[in-house]
Amino acid sequence: MLRSNAGGGFNLVSFLLLLGVAAGIYGAVKFGPPHWRKWQVKEALGDTASRFLGNRSPSPEADLEIGTELRVSTIARLRALGVEDPALNVTIERQGTGVAVAADYKEVVRHPFVNKITVLIFRPAVVLERAP
């Protein structure tokens, strides 16, 4: 009687493939939300930059006042998006005819079963130039 070894079975290659798929799913679940939030933060910074350029301030003092108001509202918006870092910093700087808006914050990812954390540092920035 002939026996064929072509039948299904669970071998080392199957195990490694399954392990790779599990690692990919774990990475997507743990690291996907912080990176998605980073893109939302960058969109909020772009909105702030547009609003700053939309206010044609006549003086540096007016720029400072408008910048302070926009900074406070941007921080509130980022908190609403889920940025929980108490050291969250937003900067708004006029650069010639344009503006640069940046955020600096950290996100902590906790890993179960191994009692470890990963700290992700994000520094998204947007630079807009006023059209001539």
N, C-alpha and C. Protein backbone atom coordinates (compact mmCIF):
# COMPACT_ATOMS: atom_id res chain seq x y z
N MET A 1 0.84 -1.16 0.00
CA MET A 1 0.00 0.00 0.00
C MET A 1 0.90 1.24 0.00
N LEU A 2 0.57 2.20 -0.86
CA LEU A 2 1.33 3.43 -0.96
C LEU A 2 0.73 4.50 -0.06
N ARG A 3 1.62 5.22 0.62
CA ARG A 3 1.15 6.32 1.48
C ARG A 3 1.65 7.62 0.89
N SER A 4 0.77 8.57 0.84
CA SER A 4 1.15 9.89 0.31
C SER A 4 1.35 10.86 1.47
N ASN A 5 2.37 11.65 1.36
CA ASN A 5 2.65 12.65 2.38
C ASN A 5 2.11 14.01 1.94
N ALA A 6 1.28 14.05 0.92
CA ALA A 6 0.77 15.29 0.37
C ALA A 6 -0.40 15.84 1.15
N GLY A 7 -0.89 15.15 2.12
CA GLY A 7 -2.05 15.60 2.89
C GLY A 7 -1.72 16.79 3.77
N GLY A 8 -2.77 17.43 4.26
CA GLY A 8 -2.58 18.60 5.13
C GLY A 8 -1.97 18.20 6.45
N GLY A 9 -1.52 19.14 7.14
CA GLY A 9 -0.91 18.92 8.43
C GLY A 9 -0.38 20.22 8.98
N PHE A 10 -0.01 20.19 10.21
CA PHE A 10 0.51 21.38 10.85
C PHE A 10 2.00 21.17 11.05
N ASN A 11 2.81 21.96 10.35
CA ASN A 11 4.25 21.81 10.45
C ASN A 11 4.87 23.13 10.89
N LEU A 12 6.18 23.21 10.88
CA LEU A 12 6.89 24.39 11.33
C LEU A 12 6.57 25.62 10.49
N VAL A 13 6.47 25.45 9.19
CA VAL A 13 6.16 26.57 8.30
C VAL A 13 4.77 27.11 8.61
N SER A 14 3.82 26.25 8.82
CA SER A 14 2.46 26.69 9.17
C SER A 14 2.47 27.46 10.49
N PHE A 15 3.22 26.95 11.45
CA PHE A 15 3.32 27.62 12.75
C PHE A 15 3.93 29.01 12.61
N LEU A 16 5.01 29.13 11.85
CA LEU A 16 5.66 30.43 11.66
C LEU A 16 4.76 31.40 10.91
N LEU A 17 4.02 30.90 9.94
CA LEU A 17 3.07 31.74 9.21
C LEU A 17 1.97 32.24 10.14
N LEU A 18 1.44 31.36 10.95
CA LEU A 18 0.41 31.74 11.91
C LEU A 18 0.95 32.74 12.93
N LEU A 19 2.18 32.54 13.38
CA LEU A 19 2.81 33.45 14.32
C LEU A 19 3.00 34.84 13.68
N GLY A 20 3.40 34.88 12.42
CA GLY A 20 3.56 36.15 11.71
C GLY A 20 2.24 36.90 11.56
N VAL A 21 1.18 36.18 11.24
CA VAL A 21 -0.14 36.80 11.12
C VAL A 21 -0.59 37.36 12.47
N ALA A 22 -0.37 36.59 13.53
CA ALA A 22 -0.75 37.04 14.87
C ALA A 22 0.05 38.29 15.27
N ALA A 23 1.34 38.32 14.94
CA ALA A 23 2.16 39.49 15.26
C ALA A 23 1.69 40.71 14.47
N GLY A 24 1.32 40.52 13.22
CA GLY A 24 0.80 41.63 12.41
C GLY A 24 -0.49 42.18 12.98
N ILE A 25 -1.39 41.31 13.40
CA ILE A 25 -2.66 41.76 13.99
C ILE A 25 -2.39 42.50 15.31
N TYR A 26 -1.49 41.96 16.14
CA TYR A 26 -1.15 42.61 17.40
C TYR A 26 -0.58 44.01 17.14
N GLY A 27 0.33 44.11 16.19
CA GLY A 27 0.93 45.41 15.86
C GLY A 27 -0.11 46.40 15.37
N ALA A 28 -1.03 45.94 14.53
CA ALA A 28 -2.08 46.83 14.01
C ALA A 28 -3.00 47.31 15.12
N VAL A 29 -3.34 46.42 16.04
CA VAL A 29 -4.25 46.79 17.14
C VAL A 29 -3.57 47.74 18.12
N LYS A 30 -2.30 47.48 18.44
CA LYS A 30 -1.61 48.29 19.44
C LYS A 30 -1.05 49.60 18.89
N PHE A 31 -0.51 49.57 17.66
CA PHE A 31 0.19 50.74 17.14
C PHE A 31 -0.62 51.50 16.08
N GLY A 32 -1.68 50.90 15.57
CA GLY A 32 -2.51 51.57 14.58
C GLY A 32 -3.21 52.82 15.11
N PRO A 33 -3.91 52.75 16.24
CA PRO A 33 -4.62 53.93 16.75
C PRO A 33 -3.73 55.14 17.01
N PRO A 34 -2.54 55.00 17.63
CA PRO A 34 -1.70 56.19 17.81
C PRO A 34 -1.26 56.82 16.48
N HIS A 35 -0.98 56.00 15.49
CA HIS A 35 -0.56 56.55 14.20
C HIS A 35 -1.73 57.18 13.46
N TRP A 36 -2.91 56.59 13.60
CA TRP A 36 -4.10 57.20 13.01
C TRP A 36 -4.36 58.55 13.67
N ARG A 37 -4.21 58.61 15.00
CA ARG A 37 -4.41 59.86 15.72
C ARG A 37 -3.40 60.92 15.26
N LYS A 38 -2.17 60.49 14.95
CA LYS A 38 -1.15 61.44 14.46
C LYS A 38 -1.63 62.12 13.18
N TRP A 39 -2.27 61.37 12.28
CA TRP A 39 -2.77 61.98 11.05
C TRP A 39 -3.92 62.94 11.34
N GLN A 40 -4.75 62.61 12.32
CA GLN A 40 -5.83 63.52 12.71
C GLN A 40 -5.24 64.79 13.33
N VAL A 41 -4.18 64.66 14.12
CA VAL A 41 -3.51 65.82 14.72
C VAL A 41 -2.95 66.70 13.62
N LYS A 42 -2.33 66.09 12.63
CA LYS A 42 -1.75 66.87 11.54
C LYS A 42 -2.84 67.63 10.78
N GLU A 43 -3.99 67.03 10.60
CA GLU A 43 -5.10 67.73 9.95
C GLU A 43 -5.56 68.92 10.80
N ALA A 44 -5.63 68.73 12.12
CA ALA A 44 -6.01 69.83 13.02
C ALA A 44 -4.98 70.95 12.97
N LEU A 45 -3.70 70.60 12.88
CA LEU A 45 -2.66 71.62 12.78
C LEU A 45 -2.78 72.40 11.47
N GLY A 46 -3.15 71.71 10.40
CA GLY A 46 -3.37 72.39 9.12
C GLY A 46 -4.52 73.38 9.21
N ASP A 47 -5.59 72.99 9.90
CA ASP A 47 -6.72 73.91 10.10
C ASP A 47 -6.28 75.14 10.90
N THR A 48 -5.47 74.93 11.91
CA THR A 48 -4.96 76.04 12.72
C THR A 48 -4.11 76.97 11.87
N ALA A 49 -3.24 76.40 11.04
CA ALA A 49 -2.39 77.22 10.17
C ALA A 49 -3.24 78.04 9.21
N SER A 50 -4.27 77.44 8.65
CA SER A 50 -5.16 78.17 7.73
C SER A 50 -5.87 79.31 8.44
N ARG A 51 -6.34 79.05 9.67
CA ARG A 51 -7.03 80.09 10.42
C ARG A 51 -6.07 81.23 10.77
N PHE A 52 -4.82 80.89 11.10
CA PHE A 52 -3.84 81.93 11.43
C PHE A 52 -3.55 82.79 10.21
N LEU A 53 -3.38 82.17 9.05
CA LEU A 53 -3.12 82.94 7.84
C LEU A 53 -4.33 83.75 7.41
N GLY A 54 -5.52 83.26 7.74
CA GLY A 54 -6.75 83.98 7.39
C GLY A 54 -6.92 85.27 8.16
N ASN A 55 -6.29 85.38 9.33
CA ASN A 55 -6.35 86.60 10.12
C ASN A 55 -5.18 87.49 9.71
N ARG A 56 -5.45 88.50 8.98
CA ARG A 56 -4.38 89.41 8.53
C ARG A 56 -4.12 90.42 9.65
N SER A 57 -3.18 90.08 10.50
CA SER A 57 -2.90 90.95 11.64
C SER A 57 -1.95 92.07 11.25
N PRO A 58 -2.21 93.26 11.75
CA PRO A 58 -1.38 94.41 11.39
C PRO A 58 -0.08 94.51 12.18
N SER A 59 0.03 93.76 13.27
CA SER A 59 1.21 93.95 14.11
C SER A 59 1.62 92.63 14.77
N PRO A 60 2.86 92.57 15.25
CA PRO A 60 3.30 91.37 15.97
C PRO A 60 2.50 91.12 17.26
N GLU A 61 2.01 92.20 17.89
CA GLU A 61 1.21 92.03 19.10
C GLU A 61 -0.10 91.34 18.78
N ALA A 62 -0.72 91.73 17.64
CA ALA A 62 -1.96 91.07 17.22
C ALA A 62 -1.69 89.62 16.85
N ASP A 63 -0.55 89.35 16.20
CA ASP A 63 -0.16 87.97 15.89
C ASP A 63 -0.06 87.14 17.16
N LEU A 64 0.52 87.72 18.19
CA LEU A 64 0.70 87.01 19.46
C LEU A 64 -0.65 86.68 20.09
N GLU A 65 -1.57 87.65 20.07
CA GLU A 65 -2.90 87.43 20.65
C GLU A 65 -3.66 86.36 19.87
N ILE A 66 -3.67 86.49 18.56
CA ILE A 66 -4.37 85.50 17.73
C ILE A 66 -3.71 84.13 17.88
N GLY A 67 -2.38 84.10 17.89
CA GLY A 67 -1.65 82.84 18.06
C GLY A 67 -1.96 82.16 19.38
N THR A 68 -2.07 82.95 20.44
CA THR A 68 -2.39 82.39 21.76
C THR A 68 -3.78 81.78 21.77
N GLU A 69 -4.76 82.49 21.20
CA GLU A 69 -6.12 81.97 21.13
C GLU A 69 -6.18 80.68 20.31
N LEU A 70 -5.49 80.68 19.16
CA LEU A 70 -5.49 79.49 18.31
C LEU A 70 -4.76 78.33 18.98
N ARG A 71 -3.71 78.64 19.71
CA ARG A 71 -2.96 77.58 20.41
C ARG A 71 -3.84 76.90 21.46
N VAL A 72 -4.56 77.69 22.23
CA VAL A 72 -5.44 77.14 23.26
C VAL A 72 -6.55 76.30 22.63
N SER A 73 -7.16 76.79 21.55
CA SER A 73 -8.23 76.03 20.90
C SER A 73 -7.68 74.77 20.23
N THR A 74 -6.47 74.83 19.70
CA THR A 74 -5.87 73.65 19.08
C THR A 74 -5.56 72.58 20.12
N ILE A 75 -5.04 72.98 21.26
CA ILE A 75 -4.77 72.02 22.33
C ILE A 75 -6.07 71.36 22.77
N ALA A 76 -7.14 72.14 22.91
CA ALA A 76 -8.43 71.56 23.28
C ALA A 76 -8.91 70.56 22.22
N ARG A 77 -8.70 70.90 20.96
CA ARG A 77 -9.12 69.99 19.88
C ARG A 77 -8.29 68.70 19.91
N LEU A 78 -6.99 68.81 20.16
CA LEU A 78 -6.14 67.62 20.22
C LEU A 78 -6.51 66.75 21.41
N ARG A 79 -6.86 67.37 22.52
CA ARG A 79 -7.33 66.59 23.68
C ARG A 79 -8.61 65.83 23.32
N ALA A 80 -9.51 66.48 22.57
CA ALA A 80 -10.75 65.82 22.16
C ALA A 80 -10.47 64.65 21.21
N LEU A 81 -9.37 64.73 20.46
CA LEU A 81 -8.99 63.63 19.57
C LEU A 81 -8.39 62.45 20.33
N GLY A 82 -8.03 62.67 21.60
CA GLY A 82 -7.50 61.59 22.41
C GLY A 82 -6.03 61.71 22.78
N VAL A 83 -5.42 62.85 22.52
CA VAL A 83 -4.03 63.06 22.93
C VAL A 83 -4.05 63.36 24.42
N GLU A 84 -3.47 62.45 25.22
CA GLU A 84 -3.56 62.55 26.67
C GLU A 84 -2.27 63.02 27.34
N ASP A 85 -1.23 63.25 26.56
CA ASP A 85 0.07 63.64 27.13
C ASP A 85 -0.06 64.97 27.87
N PRO A 86 0.26 65.01 29.18
CA PRO A 86 0.17 66.28 29.91
C PRO A 86 1.21 67.29 29.41
N ALA A 87 2.26 66.83 28.76
CA ALA A 87 3.30 67.73 28.26
C ALA A 87 3.06 68.13 26.80
N LEU A 88 1.83 67.95 26.31
CA LEU A 88 1.49 68.33 24.94
C LEU A 88 1.86 69.79 24.71
N ASN A 89 2.57 70.04 23.61
CA ASN A 89 2.98 71.39 23.29
C ASN A 89 2.61 71.69 21.84
N VAL A 90 2.02 72.85 21.61
CA VAL A 90 1.69 73.31 20.26
C VAL A 90 2.37 74.65 20.05
N THR A 91 3.08 74.77 18.93
CA THR A 91 3.75 76.03 18.62
C THR A 91 3.20 76.58 17.30
N ILE A 92 3.06 77.89 17.26
CA ILE A 92 2.63 78.59 16.05
C ILE A 92 3.64 79.70 15.81
N GLU A 93 4.29 79.65 14.64
CA GLU A 93 5.32 80.64 14.34
C GLU A 93 5.10 81.20 12.93
N ARG A 94 5.12 82.51 12.84
CA ARG A 94 5.06 83.13 11.51
C ARG A 94 6.42 82.98 10.87
N GLN A 95 6.42 82.60 9.59
CA GLN A 95 7.67 82.45 8.84
C GLN A 95 7.53 83.21 7.53
N GLY A 96 8.00 84.44 7.53
CA GLY A 96 7.86 85.27 6.34
C GLY A 96 6.39 85.53 6.04
N THR A 97 5.95 85.06 4.88
CA THR A 97 4.52 85.23 4.52
C THR A 97 3.70 84.01 4.90
N GLY A 98 4.33 83.04 5.54
CA GLY A 98 3.63 81.81 5.90
C GLY A 98 3.60 81.59 7.40
N VAL A 99 3.22 80.38 7.77
CA VAL A 99 3.14 80.02 9.18
C VAL A 99 3.53 78.55 9.34
N ALA A 100 4.17 78.24 10.46
CA ALA A 100 4.49 76.86 10.81
C ALA A 100 3.77 76.52 12.12
N VAL A 101 3.03 75.43 12.10
CA VAL A 101 2.32 74.98 13.30
C VAL A 101 2.80 73.55 13.59
N ALA A 102 3.21 73.31 14.82
CA ALA A 102 3.74 72.00 15.18
C ALA A 102 3.20 71.57 16.54
N ALA A 103 3.15 70.26 16.74
CA ALA A 103 2.77 69.69 18.03
C ALA A 103 3.86 68.73 18.45
N ASP A 104 4.00 68.55 19.74
CA ASP A 104 5.00 67.65 20.29
C ASP A 104 4.32 66.89 21.43
N TYR A 105 4.19 65.58 21.26
CA TYR A 105 3.52 64.79 22.31
C TYR A 105 3.99 63.35 22.26
N LYS A 106 3.67 62.62 23.32
CA LYS A 106 4.02 61.20 23.44
C LYS A 106 2.76 60.38 23.64
N GLU A 107 2.82 59.16 23.15
CA GLU A 107 1.74 58.20 23.41
C GLU A 107 2.39 56.95 24.01
N VAL A 108 1.76 56.40 25.02
CA VAL A 108 2.27 55.21 25.70
C VAL A 108 1.43 54.01 25.28
N VAL A 109 2.11 52.97 24.80
CA VAL A 109 1.45 51.72 24.43
C VAL A 109 1.84 50.68 25.47
N ARG A 110 0.85 50.10 26.12
CA ARG A 110 1.11 49.09 27.15
C ARG A 110 0.94 47.69 26.54
N HIS A 111 1.89 46.82 26.84
CA HIS A 111 1.86 45.46 26.31
C HIS A 111 1.42 44.50 27.41
N PRO A 112 0.39 43.72 27.14
CA PRO A 112 -0.08 42.78 28.17
C PRO A 112 0.87 41.59 28.31
N PHE A 113 0.79 40.93 29.41
CA PHE A 113 1.52 39.69 29.72
C PHE A 113 3.01 39.89 30.00
N VAL A 114 3.63 40.94 29.46
CA VAL A 114 5.07 41.13 29.68
C VAL A 114 5.35 42.36 30.53
N ASN A 115 4.32 43.10 30.90
CA ASN A 115 4.45 44.27 31.76
C ASN A 115 5.48 45.26 31.22
N LYS A 116 5.39 45.55 29.93
CA LYS A 116 6.30 46.50 29.28
C LYS A 116 5.47 47.60 28.63
N ILE A 117 6.15 48.72 28.38
CA ILE A 117 5.50 49.82 27.66
C ILE A 117 6.42 50.26 26.52
N THR A 118 5.79 50.84 25.52
CA THR A 118 6.51 51.47 24.42
C THR A 118 6.06 52.91 24.36
N VAL A 119 7.00 53.84 24.34
CA VAL A 119 6.67 55.26 24.26
C VAL A 119 6.90 55.72 22.83
N LEU A 120 5.84 56.18 22.20
CA LEU A 120 5.92 56.71 20.83
C LEU A 120 5.98 58.23 20.92
N ILE A 121 6.95 58.83 20.27
CA ILE A 121 7.11 60.29 20.28
C ILE A 121 6.69 60.82 18.91
N PHE A 122 5.73 61.73 18.93
CA PHE A 122 5.22 62.30 17.69
C PHE A 122 5.51 63.80 17.65
N ARG A 123 5.93 64.29 16.49
CA ARG A 123 6.18 65.70 16.27
C ARG A 123 5.63 66.13 14.91
N PRO A 124 4.32 66.02 14.72
CA PRO A 124 3.76 66.43 13.43
C PRO A 124 3.84 67.95 13.27
N ALA A 125 4.03 68.40 12.04
CA ALA A 125 4.14 69.83 11.77
C ALA A 125 3.53 70.13 10.40
N VAL A 126 3.02 71.34 10.26
CA VAL A 126 2.45 71.82 9.01
C VAL A 126 3.02 73.20 8.73
N VAL A 127 3.46 73.42 7.50
CA VAL A 127 3.95 74.74 7.07
C VAL A 127 3.10 75.18 5.90
N LEU A 128 2.48 76.35 6.03
CA LEU A 128 1.66 76.91 4.95
C LEU A 128 2.23 78.26 4.53
N GLU A 129 2.21 78.51 3.26
CA GLU A 129 2.63 79.80 2.72
C GLU A 129 1.42 80.53 2.16
N ARG A 130 1.38 81.83 2.37
CA ARG A 130 0.30 82.65 1.83
C ARG A 130 0.54 82.81 0.33
N ALA A 131 -0.51 82.64 -0.44
CA ALA A 131 -0.41 82.83 -1.89
C ALA A 131 -0.20 84.31 -2.21
N PRO A 132 0.66 84.62 -3.18
CA PRO A 132 0.92 86.04 -3.50
C PRO A 132 -0.27 86.71 -4.12
